[in-house]
């Protein structure tokens, strides 16, 4: 489980950094960074941004505050998605390993 937490943290940090660095229009790599940040933060970036825009757009929060809230929502949504996918893979592996075992024989030797 620790390996997945480290992988998740690295992917999210790279995605956040790419998204923030891509906002500098004078950078030659801004389109690449924007695309990489968009892909690494899926699906949380879409759902988090939609939630912030629909719920907080008419509030008196600054754009910076809304960006931070959207980023926190993005990472939280992605953590839930990664957790569900990892649990699903584990359940599938257990199911397939039990199904492939020959009755009456010890699988682990």
N, C-alpha and C. Protein backbone atom coordinates (compact mmCIF):
# COMPACT_ATOMS: atom_id res chain seq x y z
N UNK A 1 0.83 -1.20 0.00
CA UNK A 1 0.00 0.00 0.00
C UNK A 1 0.87 1.26 0.00
N UNK A 2 2.02 1.16 0.65
CA UNK A 2 2.91 2.32 0.73
C UNK A 2 3.41 2.73 -0.66
N UNK A 3 3.66 1.75 -1.51
CA UNK A 3 4.14 2.05 -2.85
C UNK A 3 3.10 2.84 -3.63
N UNK A 4 1.81 2.50 -3.46
CA UNK A 4 0.74 3.22 -4.15
C UNK A 4 0.59 4.64 -3.63
N UNK A 5 0.80 4.84 -2.35
CA UNK A 5 0.70 6.19 -1.77
C UNK A 5 1.82 7.07 -2.32
N UNK A 6 3.02 6.52 -2.41
CA UNK A 6 4.15 7.28 -2.95
C UNK A 6 3.90 7.59 -4.43
N UNK A 7 3.44 6.60 -5.20
CA UNK A 7 3.15 6.82 -6.61
C UNK A 7 2.06 7.87 -6.79
N UNK A 8 0.99 7.75 -6.01
CA UNK A 8 -0.10 8.73 -6.07
C UNK A 8 0.41 10.14 -5.76
N UNK A 9 1.21 10.27 -4.71
CA UNK A 9 1.72 11.59 -4.32
C UNK A 9 2.59 12.19 -5.42
N UNK A 10 3.44 11.38 -6.02
CA UNK A 10 4.32 11.89 -7.08
C UNK A 10 3.50 12.33 -8.30
N UNK A 11 2.53 11.51 -8.70
CA UNK A 11 1.71 11.85 -9.87
C UNK A 11 0.92 13.13 -9.61
N UNK A 12 0.36 13.27 -8.42
CA UNK A 12 -0.42 14.47 -8.11
C UNK A 12 0.47 15.71 -8.03
N UNK A 13 1.63 15.59 -7.42
CA UNK A 13 2.54 16.74 -7.33
C UNK A 13 3.04 17.18 -8.71
N UNK A 14 3.34 16.21 -9.57
CA UNK A 14 3.76 16.54 -10.93
C UNK A 14 2.62 17.23 -11.67
N UNK A 15 1.41 16.70 -11.52
CA UNK A 15 0.25 17.30 -12.19
C UNK A 15 -0.02 18.71 -11.72
N UNK A 16 0.06 18.94 -10.41
CA UNK A 16 -0.18 20.28 -9.87
C UNK A 16 0.91 21.25 -10.34
N UNK A 17 2.16 20.78 -10.30
CA UNK A 17 3.26 21.65 -10.74
C UNK A 17 3.13 21.98 -12.23
N UNK A 18 2.80 20.98 -13.04
CA UNK A 18 2.63 21.24 -14.48
C UNK A 18 1.48 22.20 -14.74
N UNK A 19 0.39 22.04 -14.01
CA UNK A 19 -0.75 22.94 -14.20
C UNK A 19 -0.39 24.38 -13.83
N UNK A 20 0.32 24.54 -12.74
CA UNK A 20 0.67 25.89 -12.32
C UNK A 20 1.75 26.51 -13.19
N UNK A 21 2.73 25.71 -13.64
CA UNK A 21 3.78 26.25 -14.50
C UNK A 21 3.28 26.55 -15.91
N UNK A 22 2.20 25.88 -16.32
CA UNK A 22 1.69 26.10 -17.67
C UNK A 22 0.96 27.43 -17.80
N UNK A 23 0.69 28.09 -16.70
CA UNK A 23 -0.02 29.38 -16.75
C UNK A 23 0.87 30.53 -17.18
N UNK A 24 2.15 30.27 -17.35
CA UNK A 24 3.07 31.30 -17.82
C UNK A 24 3.09 31.25 -19.36
N UNK A 25 2.46 32.21 -20.01
CA UNK A 25 2.30 32.12 -21.46
C UNK A 25 3.59 32.28 -22.24
N UNK A 26 4.63 32.77 -21.65
CA UNK A 26 5.86 33.02 -22.39
C UNK A 26 6.77 31.80 -22.42
N UNK A 27 6.37 30.74 -21.74
CA UNK A 27 7.17 29.53 -21.71
C UNK A 27 6.96 28.73 -23.00
N UNK A 28 8.03 28.19 -23.53
CA UNK A 28 7.92 27.38 -24.75
C UNK A 28 7.27 26.04 -24.46
N UNK A 29 7.32 25.59 -23.24
CA UNK A 29 6.77 24.28 -22.89
C UNK A 29 5.40 24.38 -22.24
N UNK A 30 4.76 25.53 -22.32
CA UNK A 30 3.50 25.71 -21.59
C UNK A 30 2.40 24.79 -22.11
N UNK A 31 2.33 24.53 -23.41
CA UNK A 31 1.28 23.64 -23.92
C UNK A 31 1.54 22.20 -23.49
N UNK A 32 2.80 21.76 -23.48
CA UNK A 32 3.13 20.42 -23.01
C UNK A 32 2.81 20.28 -21.53
N UNK A 33 3.21 21.26 -20.73
CA UNK A 33 2.94 21.21 -19.30
C UNK A 33 1.45 21.24 -19.00
N UNK A 34 0.71 22.00 -19.77
CA UNK A 34 -0.73 22.06 -19.58
C UNK A 34 -1.38 20.71 -19.86
N UNK A 35 -0.99 20.08 -20.94
CA UNK A 35 -1.53 18.76 -21.27
C UNK A 35 -1.14 17.70 -20.27
N UNK A 36 0.11 17.73 -19.83
CA UNK A 36 0.57 16.75 -18.85
C UNK A 36 -0.14 16.95 -17.51
N UNK A 37 -0.30 18.20 -17.10
CA UNK A 37 -1.03 18.47 -15.86
C UNK A 37 -2.47 18.05 -15.95
N UNK A 38 -3.09 18.28 -17.10
CA UNK A 38 -4.49 17.90 -17.29
C UNK A 38 -4.66 16.39 -17.22
N UNK A 39 -3.76 15.63 -17.86
CA UNK A 39 -3.87 14.18 -17.87
C UNK A 39 -3.58 13.56 -16.51
N UNK A 40 -2.59 14.06 -15.80
CA UNK A 40 -2.24 13.45 -14.52
C UNK A 40 -3.24 13.76 -13.42
N UNK A 41 -4.03 14.79 -13.59
CA UNK A 41 -4.99 15.15 -12.55
C UNK A 41 -6.41 14.69 -12.86
N UNK A 42 -6.61 13.92 -13.93
CA UNK A 42 -7.94 13.41 -14.24
C UNK A 42 -8.38 12.38 -13.21
N UNK A 43 -9.60 12.22 -12.85
CA UNK A 43 -10.81 12.97 -13.16
C UNK A 43 -11.07 14.09 -12.17
N UNK A 44 -10.21 14.21 -11.17
CA UNK A 44 -10.44 15.19 -10.10
C UNK A 44 -10.42 16.62 -10.56
N UNK A 45 -9.59 16.93 -11.57
CA UNK A 45 -9.54 18.32 -12.01
C UNK A 45 -10.85 18.75 -12.65
N UNK A 46 -11.49 17.87 -13.38
CA UNK A 46 -12.77 18.22 -14.00
C UNK A 46 -13.87 18.36 -12.95
N UNK A 47 -13.98 17.38 -12.07
CA UNK A 47 -15.04 17.41 -11.05
C UNK A 47 -14.81 18.50 -10.02
N UNK A 48 -13.57 18.69 -9.59
CA UNK A 48 -13.28 19.73 -8.60
C UNK A 48 -13.51 21.13 -9.14
N UNK A 49 -13.09 21.37 -10.37
CA UNK A 49 -13.30 22.68 -10.98
C UNK A 49 -14.79 22.94 -11.20
N UNK A 50 -15.52 21.92 -11.66
CA UNK A 50 -16.95 22.08 -11.86
C UNK A 50 -17.65 22.39 -10.54
N UNK A 51 -17.27 21.69 -9.45
CA UNK A 51 -17.90 21.93 -8.15
C UNK A 51 -17.61 23.34 -7.65
N UNK A 52 -16.38 23.79 -7.78
CA UNK A 52 -16.03 25.14 -7.32
C UNK A 52 -16.75 26.19 -8.15
N UNK A 53 -16.80 26.02 -9.45
CA UNK A 53 -17.46 27.01 -10.29
C UNK A 53 -18.96 27.05 -10.05
N UNK A 54 -19.57 25.90 -9.84
CA UNK A 54 -21.02 25.91 -9.66
C UNK A 54 -21.43 26.32 -8.25
N UNK A 55 -20.60 26.06 -7.25
CA UNK A 55 -20.99 26.37 -5.88
C UNK A 55 -20.42 27.68 -5.35
N UNK A 56 -19.22 28.05 -5.78
CA UNK A 56 -18.54 29.20 -5.17
C UNK A 56 -18.32 30.37 -6.11
N UNK A 57 -18.79 30.30 -7.34
CA UNK A 57 -18.46 31.37 -8.29
C UNK A 57 -19.04 32.72 -7.89
N UNK A 58 -20.23 32.76 -7.32
CA UNK A 58 -20.85 34.02 -6.92
C UNK A 58 -20.46 34.45 -5.51
N UNK A 59 -19.57 33.71 -4.86
CA UNK A 59 -19.14 34.09 -3.51
C UNK A 59 -18.11 35.21 -3.59
N UNK A 60 -17.68 35.67 -2.47
CA UNK A 60 -16.71 36.77 -2.41
C UNK A 60 -15.28 36.27 -2.28
N UNK A 61 -15.04 35.03 -2.69
CA UNK A 61 -13.68 34.49 -2.64
C UNK A 61 -12.86 34.99 -3.83
N UNK A 62 -11.59 35.12 -3.61
CA UNK A 62 -10.70 35.52 -4.71
C UNK A 62 -10.46 34.32 -5.63
N UNK A 63 -9.94 34.58 -6.81
CA UNK A 63 -9.63 33.49 -7.73
C UNK A 63 -8.54 32.58 -7.18
N UNK A 64 -7.61 33.15 -6.44
CA UNK A 64 -6.56 32.33 -5.82
C UNK A 64 -7.13 31.37 -4.78
N UNK A 65 -8.08 31.84 -3.99
CA UNK A 65 -8.71 30.98 -2.99
C UNK A 65 -9.52 29.88 -3.66
N UNK A 66 -10.23 30.24 -4.74
CA UNK A 66 -10.99 29.22 -5.45
C UNK A 66 -10.08 28.20 -6.13
N UNK A 67 -8.91 28.63 -6.58
CA UNK A 67 -7.95 27.71 -7.17
C UNK A 67 -7.44 26.73 -6.13
N UNK A 68 -7.14 27.23 -4.94
CA UNK A 68 -6.68 26.34 -3.87
C UNK A 68 -7.76 25.34 -3.46
N UNK A 69 -8.99 25.78 -3.39
CA UNK A 69 -10.10 24.88 -3.05
C UNK A 69 -10.28 23.83 -4.14
N UNK A 70 -10.20 24.27 -5.40
CA UNK A 70 -10.33 23.33 -6.51
C UNK A 70 -9.19 22.31 -6.52
N UNK A 71 -7.98 22.74 -6.17
CA UNK A 71 -6.84 21.83 -6.11
C UNK A 71 -7.03 20.81 -5.00
N UNK A 72 -7.50 21.25 -3.84
CA UNK A 72 -7.74 20.32 -2.73
C UNK A 72 -8.84 19.32 -3.10
N UNK A 73 -9.90 19.79 -3.74
CA UNK A 73 -10.96 18.88 -4.20
C UNK A 73 -10.42 17.90 -5.24
N UNK A 74 -9.60 18.39 -6.13
CA UNK A 74 -9.02 17.56 -7.18
C UNK A 74 -8.22 16.40 -6.57
N UNK A 75 -7.36 16.70 -5.63
CA UNK A 75 -6.53 15.67 -5.01
C UNK A 75 -7.40 14.71 -4.19
N UNK A 76 -8.40 15.22 -3.50
CA UNK A 76 -9.30 14.36 -2.74
C UNK A 76 -10.10 13.42 -3.62
N UNK A 77 -10.62 13.93 -4.72
CA UNK A 77 -11.38 13.08 -5.65
C UNK A 77 -10.46 12.03 -6.27
N UNK A 78 -9.27 12.44 -6.66
CA UNK A 78 -8.33 11.49 -7.24
C UNK A 78 -7.90 10.43 -6.23
N UNK A 79 -7.76 10.80 -4.97
CA UNK A 79 -7.42 9.82 -3.94
C UNK A 79 -8.52 8.78 -3.80
N UNK A 80 -9.77 9.21 -3.83
CA UNK A 80 -10.89 8.27 -3.75
C UNK A 80 -10.92 7.35 -4.96
N UNK A 81 -10.69 7.91 -6.15
CA UNK A 81 -10.69 7.09 -7.37
C UNK A 81 -9.55 6.09 -7.35
N UNK A 82 -8.36 6.52 -6.99
CA UNK A 82 -7.21 5.61 -6.92
C UNK A 82 -7.47 4.52 -5.89
N UNK A 83 -8.03 4.87 -4.72
CA UNK A 83 -8.32 3.89 -3.69
C UNK A 83 -9.29 2.83 -4.21
N UNK A 84 -10.35 3.26 -4.87
CA UNK A 84 -11.33 2.32 -5.40
C UNK A 84 -10.74 1.42 -6.49
N UNK A 85 -9.91 1.98 -7.34
CA UNK A 85 -9.28 1.18 -8.39
C UNK A 85 -8.32 0.16 -7.79
N UNK A 86 -7.53 0.56 -6.81
CA UNK A 86 -6.58 -0.37 -6.18
C UNK A 86 -7.33 -1.48 -5.47
N UNK A 87 -8.39 -1.14 -4.75
CA UNK A 87 -9.19 -2.17 -4.07
C UNK A 87 -9.83 -3.11 -5.08
N UNK A 88 -10.32 -2.56 -6.19
CA UNK A 88 -10.91 -3.39 -7.23
C UNK A 88 -9.90 -4.36 -7.83
N UNK A 89 -8.69 -3.89 -8.07
CA UNK A 89 -7.64 -4.75 -8.61
C UNK A 89 -7.30 -5.86 -7.63
N UNK A 90 -7.22 -5.53 -6.34
CA UNK A 90 -6.92 -6.56 -5.33
C UNK A 90 -8.02 -7.61 -5.26
N UNK A 91 -9.27 -7.16 -5.28
CA UNK A 91 -10.39 -8.11 -5.24
C UNK A 91 -10.37 -8.99 -6.49
N UNK A 92 -10.11 -8.42 -7.64
CA UNK A 92 -10.06 -9.18 -8.88
C UNK A 92 -8.93 -10.19 -8.87
N UNK A 93 -7.77 -9.81 -8.35
CA UNK A 93 -6.65 -10.73 -8.27
C UNK A 93 -6.95 -11.89 -7.33
N UNK A 94 -7.59 -11.60 -6.20
CA UNK A 94 -7.95 -12.66 -5.27
C UNK A 94 -8.97 -13.60 -5.91
N UNK A 95 -9.95 -13.02 -6.58
CA UNK A 95 -10.98 -13.83 -7.23
C UNK A 95 -10.36 -14.73 -8.30
N UNK A 96 -9.48 -14.19 -9.12
CA UNK A 96 -8.88 -14.97 -10.19
C UNK A 96 -7.92 -16.02 -9.65
N UNK A 97 -7.21 -15.72 -8.56
CA UNK A 97 -6.29 -16.71 -8.01
C UNK A 97 -7.05 -17.86 -7.36
N UNK A 98 -8.19 -17.61 -6.75
CA UNK A 98 -8.99 -18.68 -6.17
C UNK A 98 -9.64 -19.52 -7.26
N UNK A 99 -10.00 -18.88 -8.32
CA UNK A 99 -10.69 -19.57 -9.41
C UNK A 99 -9.73 -20.46 -10.19
N UNK A 100 -8.48 -20.05 -10.28
CA UNK A 100 -7.51 -20.85 -11.05
C UNK A 100 -6.88 -21.96 -10.24
N UNK A 101 -7.10 -21.97 -8.93
CA UNK A 101 -6.49 -23.00 -8.10
C UNK A 101 -7.18 -24.35 -8.33
N UNK A 102 -6.38 -25.39 -8.40
CA UNK A 102 -6.92 -26.72 -8.59
C UNK A 102 -7.40 -27.24 -7.24
N UNK A 103 -8.63 -27.74 -7.15
CA UNK A 103 -9.14 -28.23 -5.86
C UNK A 103 -8.29 -29.39 -5.35
N UNK A 104 -7.97 -29.31 -4.07
CA UNK A 104 -7.21 -30.38 -3.44
C UNK A 104 -5.71 -30.19 -3.48
N UNK A 105 -5.24 -29.18 -4.15
CA UNK A 105 -3.80 -28.92 -4.20
C UNK A 105 -3.48 -27.60 -3.52
N UNK A 106 -2.33 -27.53 -2.92
CA UNK A 106 -1.88 -26.31 -2.25
C UNK A 106 -1.25 -25.41 -3.32
N UNK A 107 -1.81 -24.21 -3.49
CA UNK A 107 -1.32 -23.29 -4.52
C UNK A 107 0.04 -22.72 -4.13
N UNK A 108 0.20 -22.32 -2.88
CA UNK A 108 1.45 -21.73 -2.42
C UNK A 108 2.41 -22.85 -2.03
N UNK A 109 3.54 -22.92 -2.69
CA UNK A 109 4.53 -23.96 -2.34
C UNK A 109 5.78 -23.33 -1.86
